[in-house]
C-alpha atoms as a PDB file:
ATOM      1  CA  UNK A   1       0.000   0.000   0.000  1.00  0.00           C
ATOM      2  CA  UNK A   2       1.243   3.444  -0.788  1.00  0.00           C
ATOM      3  CA  UNK A   3      -1.498   5.499   0.821  1.00  0.00           C
ATOM      4  CA  UNK A   4      -0.102   5.372   4.334  1.00  0.00           C
ATOM      5  CA  UNK A   5       0.792   8.291   6.573  1.00  0.00           C
ATOM      6  CA  UNK A   6       4.543   8.867   7.014  1.00  0.00           C
ATOM      7  CA  UNK A   7       5.746  11.496   9.474  1.00  0.00           C
ATOM      8  CA  UNK A   8       7.124  11.941  12.960  1.00  0.00           C
ATOM      9  CA  UNK A   9       3.637  11.997  14.500  1.00  0.00           C
ATOM     10  CA  UNK A  10       3.026   8.310  13.742  1.00  0.00           C
ATOM     11  CA  UNK A  11       2.954   6.432  17.073  1.00  0.00           C
ATOM     12  CA  UNK A  12       1.766   2.984  15.968  1.00  0.00           C
ATOM     13  CA  UNK A  13       1.172   1.031  12.788  1.00  0.00           C
ATOM     14  CA  UNK A  14      -1.626  -1.425  11.994  1.00  0.00           C
ATOM     15  CA  UNK A  15      -2.836  -3.362   8.955  1.00  0.00           C
ATOM     16  CA  UNK A  16      -4.656  -1.251   6.372  1.00  0.00           C
ATOM     17  CA  UNK A  17      -4.339  -3.144   3.070  1.00  0.00           C
ATOM     18  CA  UNK A  18      -6.938  -5.529   1.688  1.00  0.00           C
ATOM     19  CA  UNK A  19      -9.079  -5.486   4.850  1.00  0.00           C
ATOM     20  CA  UNK A  20     -12.237  -7.612   4.686  1.00  0.00           C
ATOM     21  CA  UNK A  21     -15.233  -5.294   5.006  1.00  0.00           C
ATOM     22  CA  UNK A  22     -19.004  -5.519   4.853  1.00  0.00           C
ATOM     23  CA  UNK A  23     -20.471  -3.841   1.793  1.00  0.00           C
ATOM     24  CA  UNK A  24     -23.977  -2.792   0.978  1.00  0.00           C
ATOM     25  CA  UNK A  25     -24.625  -2.089  -2.696  1.00  0.00           C
ATOM     26  CA  UNK A  26     -27.925  -1.943  -4.532  1.00  0.00           C
ATOM     27  CA  UNK A  27     -29.792  -3.428  -1.572  1.00  0.00           C
ATOM     28  CA  UNK A  28     -27.433  -6.415  -1.254  1.00  0.00           C
ATOM     29  CA  UNK A  29     -25.064  -7.084   1.661  1.00  0.00           C
ATOM     30  CA  UNK A  30     -21.782  -8.811   0.881  1.00  0.00           C
ATOM     31  CA  UNK A  31     -18.139  -8.998   1.858  1.00  0.00           C
ATOM     32  CA  UNK A  32     -15.356  -7.277  -0.024  1.00  0.00           C
ATOM     33  CA  UNK A  33     -11.904  -5.827   0.575  1.00  0.00           C
ATOM     34  CA  UNK A  34     -10.751  -2.257   0.894  1.00  0.00           C
ATOM     35  CA  UNK A  35      -7.636  -0.397   2.016  1.00  0.00           C
ATOM     36  CA  UNK A  36      -6.947   2.761   3.957  1.00  0.00           C
ATOM     37  CA  UNK A  37      -5.659   4.312   7.162  1.00  0.00           C
ATOM     38  CA  UNK A  38      -9.237   4.454   8.485  1.00  0.00           C
ATOM     39  CA  UNK A  39      -9.119   0.666   8.834  1.00  0.00           C
ATOM     40  CA  UNK A  40      -5.758   0.893  10.634  1.00  0.00           C
ATOM     41  CA  UNK A  41      -7.210   3.432  13.069  1.00  0.00           C
ATOM     42  CA  UNK A  42     -10.157   1.144  13.781  1.00  0.00           C
ATOM     43  CA  UNK A  43      -7.837  -1.765  14.533  1.00  0.00           C
ATOM     44  CA  UNK A  44      -5.737   0.309  16.972  1.00  0.00           C
ATOM     45  CA  UNK A  45      -8.890   1.748  18.578  1.00  0.00           C
ATOM     46  CA  UNK A  46     -10.361  -1.731  18.995  1.00  0.00           C
ATOM     47  CA  UNK A  47      -7.182  -3.040  20.619  1.00  0.00           C
ATOM     48  CA  UNK A  48      -7.095   0.034  22.903  1.00  0.00           C
ATOM     49  CA  UNK A  49     -10.725  -0.527  23.939  1.00  0.00           C
ATOM     50  CA  UNK A  50     -10.102  -4.205  24.692  1.00  0.00           C
ATOM     51  CA  UNK A  51      -6.913  -3.318  26.624  1.00  0.00           C
ATOM     52  CA  UNK A  52      -8.871  -0.762  28.687  1.00  0.00           C
ATOM     53  CA  UNK A  53     -11.480  -3.393  29.488  1.00  0.00           C
ATOM     54  CA  UNK A  54      -8.872  -5.915  30.570  1.00  0.00           C
ATOM     55  CA  UNK A  55      -6.826  -3.429  32.604  1.00  0.00           C
ATOM     56  CA  UNK A  56      -9.728  -1.660  34.246  1.00  0.00           C
ATOM     57  CA  UNK A  57      -8.929   1.555  32.382  1.00  0.00           C
ATOM     58  CA  UNK A  58      -5.880   3.152  30.758  1.00  0.00           C
ATOM     59  CA  UNK A  59      -5.033   6.722  29.840  1.00  0.00           C
ATOM     60  CA  UNK A  60      -3.855   7.440  26.292  1.00  0.00           C
ATOM     61  CA  UNK A  61      -0.257   7.737  27.559  1.00  0.00           C
ATOM     62  CA  UNK A  62      -0.544   4.447  29.442  1.00  0.00           C
ATOM     63  CA  UNK A  63      -1.829   2.680  26.313  1.00  0.00           C
ATOM     64  CA  UNK A  64       1.064   4.089  24.261  1.00  0.00           C
ATOM     65  CA  UNK A  65       3.617   3.043  26.922  1.00  0.00           C
ATOM     66  CA  UNK A  66       1.992  -0.403  27.025  1.00  0.00           C
ATOM     67  CA  UNK A  67       2.546  -0.664  23.274  1.00  0.00           C
ATOM     68  CA  UNK A  68       6.105   0.687  23.537  1.00  0.00           C
ATOM     69  CA  UNK A  69       6.975  -1.900  26.194  1.00  0.00           C
ATOM     70  CA  UNK A  70       5.465  -4.776  24.205  1.00  0.00           C
ATOM     71  CA  UNK A  71       6.623  -3.783  20.716  1.00  0.00           C
ATOM     72  CA  UNK A  72      10.155  -2.942  21.851  1.00  0.00           C
ATOM     73  CA  UNK A  73      10.886  -0.903  18.740  1.00  0.00           C
ATOM     74  CA  UNK A  74      12.722   2.379  18.496  1.00  0.00           C
ATOM     75  CA  UNK A  75      10.477   5.101  17.116  1.00  0.00           C
ATOM     76  CA  UNK A  76      10.636   5.848  13.396  1.00  0.00           C
ATOM     77  CA  UNK A  77       8.526   7.971  11.095  1.00  0.00           C
ATOM     78  CA  UNK A  78       7.035   5.040   9.171  1.00  0.00           C
ATOM     79  CA  UNK A  79       5.726   2.635  11.829  1.00  0.00           C
ATOM     80  CA  UNK A  80       6.101   4.685  15.025  1.00  0.00           C
ATOM     81  CA  UNK A  81       6.979   2.195  17.769  1.00  0.00           C
ATOM     82  CA  UNK A  82       5.889  -0.748  15.622  1.00  0.00           C
ATOM     83  CA  UNK A  83       2.865  -2.604  14.343  1.00  0.00           C
ATOM     84  CA  UNK A  84       0.307  -3.423  17.027  1.00  0.00           C
ATOM     85  CA  UNK A  85      -0.169  -7.056  17.927  1.00  0.00           C
ATOM     86  CA  UNK A  86      -3.487  -7.679  19.658  1.00  0.00           C
ATOM     87  CA  UNK A  87      -2.425 -10.906  21.442  1.00  0.00           C
ATOM     88  CA  UNK A  88       0.734  -9.337  22.916  1.00  0.00           C
ATOM     89  CA  UNK A  89      -0.943  -6.077  23.925  1.00  0.00           C
ATOM     90  CA  UNK A  90      -3.990  -7.773  25.448  1.00  0.00           C
ATOM     91  CA  UNK A  91      -1.945 -10.245  27.500  1.00  0.00           C
ATOM     92  CA  UNK A  92       0.219  -7.383  28.822  1.00  0.00           C
ATOM     93  CA  UNK A  93      -2.849  -5.208  29.573  1.00  0.00           C
ATOM     94  CA  UNK A  94      -3.676  -7.334  32.617  1.00  0.00           C
ATOM     95  CA  UNK A  95      -0.413  -6.186  34.261  1.00  0.00           C
ATOM     96  CA  UNK A  96       0.550  -2.729  35.547  1.00  0.00           C
ATOM     97  CA  UNK A  97       1.897  -0.306  32.915  1.00  0.00           C
ATOM     98  CA  UNK A  98       5.100   1.650  33.584  1.00  0.00           C
ATOM     99  CA  UNK A  99       5.290   5.118  31.998  1.00  0.00           C
ATOM    100  CA  UNK A 100       8.406   7.263  31.656  1.00  0.00           C
ATOM    101  CA  UNK A 101      11.088   4.576  31.431  1.00  0.00           C
ATOM    102  CA  UNK A 102      11.467   1.801  28.892  1.00  0.00           C
ATOM    103  CA  UNK A 103      13.252  -1.447  29.658  1.00  0.00           C
ATOM    104  CA  UNK A 104      16.898  -0.982  28.699  1.00  0.00           C
ATOM    105  CA  UNK A 105      16.554   2.806  28.352  1.00  0.00           C
ATOM    106  CA  UNK A 106      19.205   5.359  29.344  1.00  0.00           C
ATOM    107  CA  UNK A 107      18.121   8.719  30.763  1.00  0.00           C
ATOM    108  CA  UNK A 108      19.744  11.828  32.212  1.00  0.00           C
ATOM    109  CA  UNK A 109      18.794  12.640  35.817  1.00  0.00           C
ATOM    110  CA  UNK A 110      16.185  13.401  37.047  1.00  0.00           C
ATOM    111  CA  UNK A 111      13.650  10.942  35.643  1.00  0.00           C
ATOM    112  CA  UNK A 112       9.959  10.843  36.559  1.00  0.00           C
ATOM    113  CA  UNK A 113       8.397   7.376  36.420  1.00  0.00           C
ATOM    114  CA  UNK A 114       4.735   6.469  36.937  1.00  0.00           C
ATOM    115  CA  UNK A 115       2.734   3.247  36.851  1.00  0.00           C
ATOM    116  CA  UNK A 116      -0.936   2.510  36.306  1.00  0.00           C
ATOM    117  CA  UNK A 117      -1.630   0.513  39.472  1.00  0.00           C
ATOM    118  CA  UNK A 118      -0.048  -1.610  42.179  1.00  0.00           C
ATOM    119  CA  UNK A 119       2.896  -1.053  44.511  1.00  0.00           C
ATOM    120  CA  UNK A 120       6.264   0.041  43.168  1.00  0.00           C
ATOM    121  CA  UNK A 121       9.741  -0.832  44.376  1.00  0.00           C
ATOM    122  CA  UNK A 122      12.826   0.908  43.018  1.00  0.00           C
ATOM    123  CA  UNK A 123      15.876  -1.250  43.630  1.00  0.00           C
ATOM    124  CA  UNK A 124      13.944  -3.032  46.392  1.00  0.00           C
ATOM    125  CA  UNK A 125      12.744   0.102  48.235  1.00  0.00           C
ATOM    126  CA  UNK A 126       9.153   1.419  48.105  1.00  0.00           C
ATOM    127  CA  UNK A 127       8.597   3.865  45.244  1.00  0.00           C
ATOM    128  CA  UNK A 128       5.471   5.962  44.624  1.00  0.00           C
ATOM    129  CA  UNK A 129       3.978   6.342  41.154  1.00  0.00           C
ATOM    130  CA  UNK A 130       5.016   9.709  39.733  1.00  0.00           C
ATOM    131  CA  UNK A 131       8.216   9.678  41.787  1.00  0.00           C
ATOM    132  CA  UNK A 132      11.527  11.029  40.578  1.00  0.00           C
ATOM    133  CA  UNK A 133      14.694   8.978  40.172  1.00  0.00           C
ATOM    134  CA  UNK A 134      17.776  11.144  40.733  1.00  0.00           C
ATOM    135  CA  UNK A 135      20.460   8.610  41.689  1.00  0.00           C
ATOM    136  CA  UNK A 136      22.954   7.891  38.917  1.00  0.00           C
ATOM    137  CA  UNK A 137      23.348   4.236  37.978  1.00  0.00           C
ATOM    138  CA  UNK A 138      21.410   1.177  36.905  1.00  0.00           C
ATOM    139  CA  UNK A 139      17.951   0.760  38.418  1.00  0.00           C
ATOM    140  CA  UNK A 140      15.124  -1.731  38.385  1.00  0.00           C
ATOM    141  CA  UNK A 141      11.539  -0.682  39.041  1.00  0.00           C
ATOM    142  CA  UNK A 142       9.315  -3.586  40.013  1.00  0.00           C
ATOM    143  CA  UNK A 143       5.561  -3.017  40.172  1.00  0.00           C
ATOM    144  CA  UNK A 144       3.410  -5.626  41.884  1.00  0.00           C
ATOM    145  CA  UNK A 145      -0.371  -5.764  41.638  1.00  0.00           C
ATOM    146  CA  UNK A 146      -1.811  -8.977  43.062  1.00  0.00           C
ATOM    147  CA  UNK A 147      -0.382 -11.831  41.007  1.00  0.00           C
ATOM    148  CA  UNK A 148       0.956  -9.482  38.302  1.00  0.00           C
ATOM    149  CA  UNK A 149       4.543  -8.244  38.408  1.00  0.00           C
ATOM    150  CA  UNK A 150       6.257  -5.959  35.897  1.00  0.00           C
ATOM    151  CA  UNK A 151       9.950  -5.044  36.036  1.00  0.00           C
ATOM    152  CA  UNK A 152      11.686  -2.335  34.033  1.00  0.00           C
ATOM    153  CA  UNK A 153      15.464  -1.941  34.160  1.00  0.00           C
ATOM    154  CA  UNK A 154      16.991   1.360  33.087  1.00  0.00           C
ATOM    155  CA  UNK A 155      20.058   3.545  33.603  1.00  0.00           C
ATOM    156  CA  UNK A 156      20.192   7.109  34.870  1.00  0.00           C
ATOM    157  CA  UNK A 157      23.340   8.979  33.859  1.00  0.00           C
ATOM    158  CA  UNK A 158      24.862  11.960  35.607  1.00  0.00           C
ATOM    159  CA  UNK A 159      26.033  13.429  32.346  1.00  0.00           C
ATOM    160  CA  UNK A 160      24.265  16.293  30.744  1.00  0.00           C
ATOM    161  CA  UNK A 161      23.566  15.252  27.169  1.00  0.00           C
ATOM    162  CA  UNK A 162      24.828  17.443  24.391  1.00  0.00           C
ATOM    163  CA  UNK A 163      22.371  18.458  21.739  1.00  0.00           C
ATOM    164  CA  UNK A 164      21.955  20.640  18.691  1.00  0.00           C
ATOM    165  CA  UNK A 165      18.709  22.427  17.937  1.00  0.00           C
ATOM    166  CA  UNK A 166      17.870  22.750  14.250  1.00  0.00           C
ATOM    167  CA  UNK A 167      14.958  24.483  12.587  1.00  0.00           C
ATOM    168  CA  UNK A 168      12.744  21.395  12.814  1.00  0.00           C
ATOM    169  CA  UNK A 169      14.575  18.845  14.958  1.00  0.00           C
ATOM    170  CA  UNK A 170      16.837  18.270  17.940  1.00  0.00           C
ATOM    171  CA  UNK A 171      19.882  16.019  17.576  1.00  0.00           C
ATOM    172  CA  UNK A 172      21.534  14.447  20.626  1.00  0.00           C
ATOM    173  CA  UNK A 173      24.312  11.892  20.978  1.00  0.00           C
ATOM    174  CA  UNK A 174      23.361   9.974  24.117  1.00  0.00           C
ATOM    175  CA  UNK A 175      20.454   9.203  26.391  1.00  0.00           C
ATOM    176  CA  UNK A 176      16.731   8.970  25.764  1.00  0.00           C
ATOM    177  CA  UNK A 177      14.692  12.131  25.284  1.00  0.00           C
ATOM    178  CA  UNK A 178      11.063  13.081  25.836  1.00  0.00           C
ATOM    179  CA  UNK A 179       9.122  15.730  23.951  1.00  0.00           C
ATOM    180  CA  UNK A 180       5.785  16.727  25.493  1.00  0.00           C
ATOM    181  CA  UNK A 181       5.990  13.653  27.744  1.00  0.00           C
ATOM    182  CA  UNK A 182       6.499  11.150  24.918  1.00  0.00           C
ATOM    183  CA  UNK A 183       9.741   9.431  23.834  1.00  0.00           C
ATOM    184  CA  UNK A 184      11.610  11.417  21.191  1.00  0.00           C
ATOM    185  CA  UNK A 185      14.193   9.987  18.774  1.00  0.00           C
ATOM    186  CA  UNK A 186      17.199  12.143  17.931  1.00  0.00           C
ATOM    187  CA  UNK A 187      16.696  13.988  14.641  1.00  0.00           C
ATOM    188  CA  UNK A 188      12.915  13.460  14.382  1.00  0.00           C
ATOM    189  CA  UNK A 189      10.851  16.401  13.166  1.00  0.00           C
ATOM    190  CA  UNK A 190       9.482  18.314  16.158  1.00  0.00           C
ATOM    191  CA  UNK A 191       6.762  20.005  14.109  1.00  0.00           C
ATOM    192  CA  UNK A 192       4.400  17.278  12.858  1.00  0.00           C
END
């Protein structure tokens, strides 16, 4: 398909080519195929609705972080963080969602980390959702909610990252950045 949306605002990808649809023509119902981003949006919306039902409710940011943690892809302008997979997302939706730090990520201090529910422990000590991590080094946040446990390991550096601001992007050489609360990849267009 060559109709797809390509820019830095793409967060997720979903199927949109040759989707089986119900058609109604000349008083007759039948099945056919069609393509378009509207079908992709419906797939993502359906997965989000099912994930909200399983989890007991998610914010938009929590759903995106759930997808980021399950898809494990670095953001790009063509597929965002990757193509949604209903089975993976829906299985993970029953567990707490960690926002603000991705497993394996590297961040400059300070770093604010939140989670959707449960009790958090940073390196074995109690940690409140929305708390700030300032200590330099490797950390593991474990969130426990009943029988569900999620762990995210990340590194906080003491170094101040160097960066260059261009007319439409910011380029940095180390660390993980956030723009308006969402992960930002070095060099991506900041004006969608």
